[in-house]
Protein backbone atom coordinates (compact mmCIF):
# COMPACT_ATOMS: atom_id res chain seq x y z
CA MET A 1 -0.15 -0.14 -0.07
CA ARG A 2 1.20 3.34 -1.19
CA ILE A 3 0.50 6.75 1.04
CA GLU A 4 1.19 10.07 -0.41
CA TYR A 5 0.77 13.83 0.61
CA ASP A 6 -1.65 15.75 -1.60
CA LYS A 7 -2.64 18.99 -1.18
CA GLY A 8 -2.91 18.27 2.87
CA THR A 9 -4.62 15.05 2.71
CA LEU A 10 -2.65 11.51 3.04
CA ARG A 11 -3.75 9.92 0.18
CA PHE A 12 -3.67 6.06 -0.06
CA GLY A 13 -2.76 3.33 -3.12
CA GLU A 14 -4.92 0.06 -3.01
CA LEU A 15 -5.52 -1.13 0.21
CA PRO A 16 -4.52 -4.77 1.05
CA PRO A 17 -7.54 -7.42 0.59
CA ASP A 18 -7.51 -8.48 4.01
CA PHE A 19 -7.57 -4.66 5.76
CA PRO A 20 -10.48 -3.10 5.93
CA PRO A 21 -10.07 1.14 5.32
CA SER A 22 -11.87 1.73 8.49
CA ARG A 23 -9.12 0.80 10.40
CA LEU A 24 -7.22 3.39 8.83
CA PRO A 25 -7.51 6.32 11.03
CA GLY A 26 -9.21 8.84 9.62
CA ALA A 27 -10.02 8.17 6.17
CA LEU A 28 -12.66 8.71 4.20
CA TRP A 29 -13.78 7.89 0.28
CA ASP A 30 -13.19 10.35 -2.29
CA PRO A 31 -15.57 9.55 -5.29
CA ARG A 32 -14.08 12.21 -7.72
CA VAL A 33 -10.87 10.04 -7.75
CA SER A 34 -11.61 6.26 -5.92
CA VAL A 35 -9.23 6.27 -3.36
CA TYR A 36 -9.61 6.60 0.31
CA ARG A 37 -8.14 10.23 1.71
CA ALA A 38 -6.67 10.80 5.12
CA PRO A 39 -6.31 14.04 6.60
CA GLY A 40 -2.56 15.56 7.17
CA CYS A 41 -2.95 15.62 11.01
CA SER A 42 -3.57 11.67 10.75
CA TYR A 43 -0.19 10.90 9.69
CA ARG A 44 1.42 10.05 13.33
CA ARG A 45 -1.91 7.81 14.22
CA LEU A 46 -1.41 6.10 10.71
CA LEU A 47 1.72 4.97 11.51
CA GLU A 48 0.88 3.70 14.68
CA THR A 49 -1.65 1.66 13.61
CA LEU A 50 -0.15 0.42 10.69
CA GLU A 51 3.40 -0.53 12.10
CA ALA A 52 1.12 -2.40 15.03
CA GLU A 53 -0.44 -4.33 12.46
CA GLU A 54 2.82 -5.13 10.90
CA LEU A 55 1.97 -3.73 7.38
CA THR A 56 4.10 -3.67 4.71
CA PHE A 57 3.42 0.35 3.12
CA ASP A 58 5.16 2.45 0.98
CA ASP A 59 5.54 5.81 3.08
CA ARG A 60 5.67 8.21 0.40
CA VAL A 61 4.38 11.49 2.31
CA SER A 62 7.37 13.30 3.71
CA GLY A 63 8.36 16.19 0.83
CA GLY A 64 11.62 15.51 2.31
CA PHE A 65 11.44 16.79 5.77
CA LEU A 66 14.22 19.92 5.85
CA SER A 67 16.83 19.44 8.12
CA PRO A 68 17.98 22.35 10.32
CA GLY A 69 21.55 23.71 11.19
CA PRO A 70 23.05 23.47 14.59
CA TRP A 71 21.81 25.12 17.49
CA LYS A 72 23.45 26.89 20.71
CA ASP A 73 22.15 25.46 24.26
CA VAL A 74 19.01 27.22 25.04
CA GLU A 75 19.22 27.92 29.36
CA LEU A 76 15.49 27.16 30.93
CA ARG A 77 14.31 28.17 34.20
CA ALA A 78 12.94 24.76 36.24
CA TYR A 79 9.45 25.43 35.49
CA GLN A 80 10.01 25.46 32.05
CA GLU A 81 12.25 22.50 31.88
CA ALA A 82 9.70 20.93 33.73
CA ALA A 83 7.19 21.69 31.45
CA LEU A 84 9.87 20.39 28.70
CA ASP A 85 10.00 17.42 30.21
CA ALA A 86 5.91 16.91 30.41
CA TRP A 87 5.49 17.78 26.94
CA GLU A 88 8.46 14.74 25.58
CA ILE A 89 7.15 12.76 28.05
CA ALA A 90 3.60 12.86 26.59
CA GLY A 91 5.21 11.95 23.20
CA CYS A 92 6.39 15.63 22.13
CA ARG A 93 2.68 16.27 21.68
CA GLY A 94 0.24 18.43 23.72
CA THR A 95 -0.19 22.53 24.98
CA ILE A 96 1.27 24.29 27.81
CA ALA A 97 -0.48 26.99 29.19
CA LEU A 98 1.76 29.27 30.85
CA PRO A 99 0.99 32.91 32.02
CA THR A 100 1.95 35.81 30.27
CA GLY A 101 6.02 36.98 30.55
CA SER A 102 6.85 33.15 31.43
CA GLY A 103 8.65 32.59 28.52
CA LYS A 104 6.95 30.58 26.43
CA THR A 105 9.00 31.57 23.31
CA ARG A 106 12.06 30.69 24.87
CA LEU A 107 10.56 27.17 26.12
CA ALA A 108 8.90 26.61 22.34
CA ILE A 109 12.73 27.36 20.96
CA ALA A 110 13.79 24.76 23.75
CA ALA A 111 11.97 22.37 22.08
CA MET A 112 12.82 22.77 18.89
CA ALA A 113 16.95 22.80 19.66
CA ARG A 114 15.83 19.93 21.47
CA THR A 115 14.05 18.02 19.20
CA ARG A 116 16.74 19.14 15.90
CA LEU A 117 13.34 18.38 13.55
CA ALA A 118 12.33 20.87 11.19
CA ALA A 119 9.92 23.24 12.84
CA LEU A 120 7.11 25.37 11.90
CA CYS A 121 6.35 27.85 14.14
CA LEU A 122 2.52 29.48 13.88
CA VAL A 123 1.95 33.10 15.33
CA PRO A 124 -1.26 35.25 14.94
CA THR A 125 -0.14 38.53 13.87
CA ARG A 126 3.18 40.32 11.80
CA VAL A 127 4.26 41.48 15.38
CA LEU A 128 5.22 38.43 16.41
CA LEU A 129 6.15 36.98 13.49
CA ALA A 130 8.71 39.51 12.92
CA GLN A 131 9.52 38.89 16.97
CA TRP A 132 9.66 34.74 16.82
CA VAL A 133 12.37 35.24 13.64
CA ARG A 134 14.46 37.73 15.87
CA GLU A 135 14.31 35.46 18.77
CA ILE A 136 15.06 32.13 16.97
CA GLY A 137 18.27 33.56 15.35
CA LYS A 138 19.81 34.31 18.93
CA VAL A 139 20.02 30.56 18.92
CA TYR A 140 20.07 29.47 15.67
CA SER A 141 22.65 29.70 13.07
CA GLY A 142 20.81 28.51 10.09
CA ALA A 143 18.51 30.74 7.69
CA VAL A 144 15.16 31.04 9.17
CA GLY A 145 12.77 31.29 7.09
CA GLN A 146 9.28 33.61 7.01
CA LEU A 147 5.69 33.52 5.55
CA GLY A 148 3.99 36.23 6.28
CA ASP A 149 4.32 40.30 5.73
CA GLY A 150 5.15 40.63 2.23
CA VAL A 151 7.90 37.72 2.67
CA ARG A 152 7.43 34.19 1.30
CA GLU A 153 10.68 32.33 2.11
CA VAL A 154 10.85 28.42 3.55
CA ALA A 155 13.95 27.35 5.41
CA PRO A 156 14.12 24.04 7.57
CA VAL A 157 13.01 26.34 10.48
CA THR A 158 10.11 28.52 9.42
CA VAL A 159 7.93 30.97 11.31
CA SER A 160 4.83 31.42 10.01
CA THR A 161 1.41 34.12 10.40
CA PHE A 162 -1.69 32.16 11.24
CA GLU A 163 -2.99 33.38 7.66
CA SER A 164 0.07 32.57 5.29
CA ALA A 165 -0.06 29.31 7.09
CA TRP A 166 -3.32 28.64 5.89
CA ARG A 167 -3.03 29.40 2.59
CA ARG A 168 0.71 27.70 2.24
CA MET A 169 -0.02 24.40 3.96
CA PRO A 170 -1.50 22.53 1.22
CA GLU A 171 2.23 23.26 -0.41
CA ILE A 172 4.47 23.12 2.50
CA GLY A 173 2.25 21.09 5.09
CA ASN A 174 4.51 17.93 4.47
CA ARG A 175 7.71 19.16 4.84
CA PHE A 176 7.96 19.75 8.80
CA ASP A 177 7.65 17.22 11.54
CA LEU A 178 7.51 19.84 14.54
CA LEU A 179 5.01 22.02 14.57
CA VAL A 180 4.94 24.93 16.97
CA VAL A 181 1.37 27.02 17.54
CA ASP A 182 1.86 30.29 19.31
CA GLU A 183 -1.68 32.05 21.50
CA ALA A 184 -2.96 28.15 20.41
CA HIS A 185 -6.68 29.13 21.93
CA HIS A 186 -7.11 30.76 18.52
CA PHE A 187 -7.56 27.33 17.20
CA GLY A 188 -10.41 24.65 17.82
CA ARG A 189 -13.40 27.15 17.01
CA GLY A 190 -13.32 25.54 13.10
CA GLU A 191 -12.02 29.00 12.17
CA ARG A 192 -8.41 28.53 10.22
CA ASP A 193 -8.51 24.93 12.07
CA GLU A 194 -7.17 23.37 7.83
CA ALA A 195 -3.79 24.86 8.47
CA LEU A 196 -3.51 22.39 11.71
CA GLU A 197 -5.27 19.57 9.86
CA MET A 198 -3.60 19.36 6.46
CA SER A 199 -0.12 19.50 7.87
CA VAL A 200 1.49 16.35 8.91
CA ALA A 201 3.89 16.64 11.68
CA ARG A 202 4.43 14.36 14.20
CA CYS A 203 5.13 16.64 17.00
CA ARG A 204 3.23 19.34 17.89
CA LEU A 205 3.30 21.97 20.70
CA GLY A 206 0.73 24.32 21.51
CA LEU A 207 1.36 27.67 23.57
CA SER A 208 -1.27 29.61 24.97
CA ALA A 209 -1.80 31.80 28.63
CA THR A 210 -5.21 30.93 28.55
CA PRO A 211 -6.88 27.63 27.17
CA PRO A 212 -10.12 27.65 26.11
CA SER A 213 -13.05 26.98 28.95
CA ASP A 214 -15.09 25.62 26.30
CA PRO A 215 -14.72 21.39 26.84
CA GLU A 216 -15.64 21.38 22.65
CA THR A 217 -12.89 24.16 21.71
CA LEU A 218 -10.29 22.38 24.09
CA GLU A 219 -11.28 18.98 22.54
CA ARG A 220 -11.18 20.06 19.19
CA LEU A 221 -7.66 21.73 20.01
CA ALA A 222 -6.45 18.63 21.77
CA THR A 223 -7.00 16.91 18.42
CA PHE A 224 -5.03 19.19 16.54
CA VAL A 225 -2.02 19.96 19.02
CA GLY A 226 -2.16 17.44 21.94
CA PRO A 227 -3.77 17.99 25.13
CA VAL A 228 -2.84 20.27 27.68
CA VAL A 229 0.22 18.28 29.73
CA TYR A 230 1.01 21.26 31.89
CA GLU A 231 -0.42 24.63 33.53
CA LEU A 232 0.59 26.92 35.88
CA SER A 233 -1.18 30.26 36.99
CA ILE A 234 0.43 33.71 37.42
CA GLY A 235 -0.21 33.38 41.09
CA ASP A 236 1.99 29.82 41.05
CA LEU A 237 5.18 32.37 39.45
CA ALA A 238 4.51 35.82 41.04
CA GLY A 239 7.26 36.38 43.50
CA ARG A 240 10.60 34.69 42.28
CA TRP A 241 9.64 33.99 38.57
CA LEU A 242 7.01 37.03 37.80
CA SER A 243 7.02 40.08 39.73
CA ASP A 244 5.21 40.45 42.62
CA PHE A 245 1.86 42.68 42.10
CA ASP A 246 -0.76 44.63 43.11
CA LEU A 247 -4.64 44.80 41.11
CA VAL A 248 -6.05 47.55 42.72
CA THR A 249 -9.95 47.74 41.56
CA VAL A 250 -10.82 51.36 40.61
CA ALA A 251 -14.67 51.17 40.65
CA LEU A 252 -16.21 54.23 39.00
CA ASP A 253 -20.11 55.92 38.50
CA LEU A 254 -21.71 57.50 35.44
CA GLU A 255 -22.66 60.93 35.85
CA PRO A 256 -26.48 60.75 35.58
CA ALA A 257 -27.06 62.08 31.95
CA GLU A 258 -24.85 59.48 31.07
CA ARG A 259 -26.83 56.94 33.48
CA ARG A 260 -29.70 57.80 32.01
CA GLU A 261 -28.46 57.17 27.84
CA TYR A 262 -26.61 53.91 29.00
CA GLU A 263 -30.06 52.73 30.33
CA ALA A 264 -31.86 54.19 27.68
CA GLU A 265 -29.59 51.61 25.12
CA ILE A 266 -29.55 49.01 27.36
CA ALA A 267 -33.48 48.89 27.27
CA LEU A 268 -33.52 48.42 23.80
CA TYR A 269 -31.17 46.39 23.78
CA ARG A 270 -31.97 43.60 26.70
CA PRO A 271 -35.44 42.49 25.99
CA TYR A 272 -33.79 41.03 22.54
CA ARG A 273 -31.42 39.30 23.97
CA GLU A 274 -33.38 37.58 26.53
CA ARG A 275 -35.79 36.48 24.55
CA TYR A 276 -33.07 34.98 21.97
CA LEU A 277 -31.58 32.97 24.89
CA SER A 278 -34.43 32.02 26.19
CA ILE A 279 -34.99 30.03 23.37
CA ARG A 280 -31.03 29.01 22.59
CA PRO A 281 -29.75 29.16 25.82
CA ALA A 282 -26.64 27.52 24.76
CA ALA A 283 -25.72 29.94 21.50
CA THR A 284 -22.29 31.35 21.33
CA TRP A 285 -22.46 35.23 21.30
CA LYS A 286 -21.41 35.00 17.44
CA GLU A 287 -24.44 32.87 16.82
CA PHE A 288 -26.12 35.44 18.95
CA LEU A 289 -24.99 38.54 16.15
CA ARG A 290 -25.32 36.26 13.39
CA SER A 291 -29.26 35.97 14.42
CA ALA A 292 -29.92 39.41 14.84
CA HIS A 293 -28.51 40.83 12.09
CA ARG A 294 -31.44 38.88 10.12
CA SER A 295 -34.25 41.50 11.33
CA PRO A 296 -34.64 44.96 11.40
CA GLU A 297 -35.37 44.68 15.66
CA GLY A 298 -32.33 42.37 15.77
CA ARG A 299 -30.20 45.20 14.13
CA ARG A 300 -31.60 47.80 16.26
CA ALA A 301 -30.95 45.68 19.40
CA VAL A 302 -27.37 45.42 18.61
CA GLU A 303 -26.55 48.87 17.76
CA ALA A 304 -27.74 50.04 20.42
CA TRP A 305 -25.73 47.37 22.87
CA THR A 306 -22.93 49.01 20.33
CA ARG A 307 -23.56 52.18 21.67
CA ALA A 308 -23.13 51.45 25.22
CA ARG A 309 -20.48 49.76 25.18
CA ARG A 310 -18.73 52.42 23.61
CA MET A 311 -20.42 54.98 26.31
CA LEU A 312 -18.53 52.58 28.88
CA ALA A 313 -15.09 52.15 26.88
CA PHE A 314 -13.83 56.03 28.32
CA HIS A 315 -16.63 58.28 29.67
CA ARG A 316 -16.05 61.14 31.68
CA THR A 317 -14.55 59.73 34.96
CA LYS A 318 -12.61 57.23 33.60
CA ARG A 319 -10.89 59.97 31.84
CA GLU A 320 -10.37 61.91 35.23
CA ALA A 321 -8.92 58.50 36.76
CA VAL A 322 -6.65 58.18 33.75
CA SER A 323 -5.27 61.31 34.26
CA SER A 324 -4.73 61.12 38.16
CA LEU A 325 -2.85 57.94 37.32
CA LEU A 326 -0.57 59.12 35.01
CA ALA A 327 0.15 61.97 37.11
CA ARG A 328 0.43 59.78 40.40
CA HIS A 329 3.23 57.61 38.16
CA GLY A 330 4.97 59.65 36.22
CA GLU A 331 8.36 58.36 36.95
CA SER A 332 7.47 54.51 36.38
CA ARG A 333 6.88 52.64 32.81
CA VAL A 334 2.98 52.65 32.27
CA LEU A 335 0.84 50.97 29.71
CA VAL A 336 -2.44 52.15 29.36
CA PHE A 337 -4.98 49.45 27.61
CA THR A 338 -8.41 51.05 25.95
CA SER A 339 -10.84 48.94 25.00
CA ASP A 340 -10.76 50.14 21.55
CA ASN A 341 -8.48 51.89 19.52
CA ARG A 342 -11.25 55.21 19.65
CA ALA A 343 -9.93 55.46 23.28
CA ALA A 344 -6.28 55.08 22.58
CA TYR A 345 -6.14 57.88 20.58
CA ARG A 346 -7.86 59.93 23.20
CA ILE A 347 -5.67 59.21 25.86
CA ALA A 348 -2.62 59.57 23.62
CA ARG A 349 -3.84 63.19 22.59
CA GLU A 350 -5.00 64.54 26.12
CA HIS A 351 -1.94 63.03 27.75
CA LEU A 352 0.63 63.13 24.61
CA VAL A 353 1.15 59.36 25.10
CA MET A 354 2.44 57.22 22.54
CA PRO A 355 -0.30 55.07 20.57
CA VAL A 356 0.61 51.34 19.80
CA THR A 357 -1.66 50.57 17.11
CA CYS A 358 -2.43 48.48 14.55
CA ASP A 359 -2.35 51.85 12.18
CA ILE A 360 1.95 52.15 12.84
CA GLY A 361 3.87 49.74 10.69
CA ARG A 362 6.48 47.17 12.31
CA ALA A 363 9.54 49.51 12.17
CA GLU A 364 7.95 52.51 13.91
CA ARG A 365 6.59 50.54 16.62
CA ARG A 366 10.00 48.73 17.47
CA GLU A 367 11.71 51.84 17.78
CA VAL A 368 8.60 53.53 19.82
CA LEU A 369 9.12 50.07 22.08
CA GLU A 370 12.76 50.36 21.81
CA ARG A 371 12.52 54.03 23.13
CA PHE A 372 9.93 52.92 26.02
CA GLU A 373 13.00 50.38 27.40
CA LYS A 374 15.52 52.59 27.57
CA GLY A 375 13.33 55.46 29.34
CA GLU A 376 12.60 57.72 26.46
CA LEU A 377 9.29 57.02 26.72
CA ARG A 378 7.55 56.88 30.25
CA ALA A 379 4.30 55.50 28.86
CA LEU A 380 2.20 53.24 26.27
CA VAL A 381 -1.26 53.44 25.39
CA SER A 382 -2.74 50.14 23.26
CA ALA A 383 -5.87 48.86 22.25
CA ARG A 384 -4.73 45.23 21.27
CA VAL A 385 -1.32 45.08 19.67
CA LEU A 386 0.39 44.81 23.34
CA ASN A 387 -2.06 41.66 24.30
CA GLU A 388 -0.91 38.80 22.74
CA GLY A 389 3.24 37.28 22.58
CA LEU A 390 5.01 41.03 22.25
CA ASP A 391 7.85 41.64 24.54
CA VAL A 392 7.25 45.09 26.57
CA PRO A 393 10.29 45.20 28.67
CA GLU A 394 10.60 47.16 32.26
CA ALA A 395 6.84 48.15 32.23
CA ASP A 396 5.49 48.00 35.63
CA VAL A 397 2.11 50.23 35.63
CA ALA A 398 -0.85 49.34 34.18
CA ILE A 399 -4.09 50.76 33.64
CA LEU A 400 -6.74 48.93 32.65
CA VAL A 401 -9.48 51.49 31.08
CA GLY A 402 -11.76 49.13 28.91
CA GLY A 403 -13.20 46.74 31.56
CA SER A 404 -15.19 44.51 29.10
CA THR A 405 -12.73 42.41 27.91
CA GLY A 406 -12.53 38.80 28.73
CA GLU A 407 -10.78 36.54 30.67
CA ARG A 408 -8.16 35.51 28.47
CA GLU A 409 -6.92 39.51 27.48
CA TYR A 410 -7.19 39.94 31.23
CA VAL A 411 -4.70 37.82 31.54
CA GLN A 412 -2.89 38.87 29.07
CA ARG A 413 -2.75 42.79 29.56
CA ILE A 414 -1.66 41.95 33.82
CA GLY A 415 0.88 39.83 32.63
CA ARG A 416 2.55 42.48 30.28
CA THR A 417 3.56 44.06 33.67
CA LEU A 418 4.91 41.00 35.23
CA ARG A 419 8.29 40.41 33.57
CA PRO A 420 10.85 40.77 36.78
CA ARG A 421 13.51 42.50 38.01
CA PRO A 422 15.02 43.08 41.55
CA GLY A 423 12.73 44.61 43.89
CA LYS A 424 10.15 45.73 41.45
CA ARG A 425 6.85 45.12 42.33
CA ALA A 426 4.36 45.61 39.51
CA ARG A 427 0.52 47.78 40.31
CA ILE A 428 -2.38 47.18 38.16
CA PHE A 429 -5.44 49.39 37.99
CA GLU A 430 -8.41 48.32 36.78
CA LEU A 431 -11.05 50.65 35.93
CA VAL A 432 -14.41 49.40 36.05
CA THR A 433 -18.13 50.99 36.12
CA ARG A 434 -20.47 50.14 38.54
CA GLY A 435 -23.86 49.32 37.47
CA THR A 436 -22.99 48.37 34.26
CA SER A 437 -22.38 45.18 32.18
CA GLU A 438 -18.74 46.10 32.42
CA PHE A 439 -19.11 45.33 36.35
CA SER A 440 -20.63 42.52 35.70
CA ARG A 441 -17.87 41.20 33.22
CA PHE A 442 -15.57 42.31 35.69
CA ARG A 443 -16.94 40.24 38.64
CA GLN A 444 -17.33 36.93 36.54
CA ARG A 445 -13.78 37.43 35.88
CA ARG A 446 -12.60 37.66 39.10
CA GLU A 447 -14.33 34.69 39.62
CA SER A 448 -12.95 32.32 36.65
CA LEU A 449 -9.21 33.18 37.50
CA ALA A 450 -8.96 32.38 41.43
CA ALA A 451 -11.18 29.66 39.98
CA ARG A 452 -8.30 28.77 38.01
CA ALA A 453 -5.96 29.56 40.51
CA ARG A 454 -7.15 26.91 42.47
CA SER A 455 -7.31 24.31 39.88
CA CYS A 456 -3.58 24.90 39.69
CA VAL A 457 -2.75 23.87 43.37
């Protein structure tokens, strides 16, 4: 029996007469060409099955796995070594969950160096693409390939954006035997999952500060990358490996006129939302939005919700609180996080703070971060760009202005200030508005994080 790689799938030649196709993991009949196929990600299980059955087969799947060049030794902290050991014990397949600032990138690079396999690293953004290429280059002497940001170069060690990987995987899915997935929580929901499904990489390493909590998503992620094999929380590492920190909640009120306007918008939104949930109580937010946009009443409800959310993003008392905190911590390195670019640019204008948004180019962004590290800039403001993975050294104060973020963004933003240095104690100020959906979300996040921390003990 011959097995070939064909555009993201495993294509089987004529099967042995006494071997039923149901024994081939993931195999389905393709009537277009009268052959059986299986997803590329089934390759490892397929080899295990065929070897267990002691079947002779002609393996033509590999596109010539690229041979990476020499690596330098990568020093790891004790918990990073433990995480890597757990991954290796699990057969070099699984997800490692560590908080922001704990060195997940370095751990993954150590996995590449230790396995010496041709490696493809997937990252969500162009910013992280450049950062990973730079970090790998510090310990790897070969050329580092890049797919994304206008570059199309494949090498034994390659870094790709999610989008570029999704487009190119039918061509390159059989050229790497280690697949590293940064911010792995983006997968498992169906969007771009094909990028993982089309790869034949037998070794897979997922990285995330906050793995999905939804069992169905977590199960799909386990299928494509592997289960969570090691997990630590911020509380587990604070004090030694991450900075100690104080988390301060600043509860604010809307002014009377703002409160009336907010309540009016919520009165338009809430009845429609409650009726929908009474019919479909398990529906996701995306499903609700898709349904709402099919009717005029639904669209009006969503528009009202959008206006209410914008109202909470940066109302007058939040503006006053941000002004006070920036003045009090003028000698610190401060990161200000907002819920949208509109609020970020407003803070930038009012306080002459440099914005870091998706609108500025890679070179300018890197220059801004270098100036922040040197102390030439004392504060930065961002809506989303600084959330995931991007190194922001030296920050010791964070102001969370947009309180509507979910648990994942919340953990990422806190972690931006926790990279340790001697004597450092980080301070995180969270601005939340009483009597609003923002305050409810804040309480849910705290309860969820407390439960997660208890589960890690």
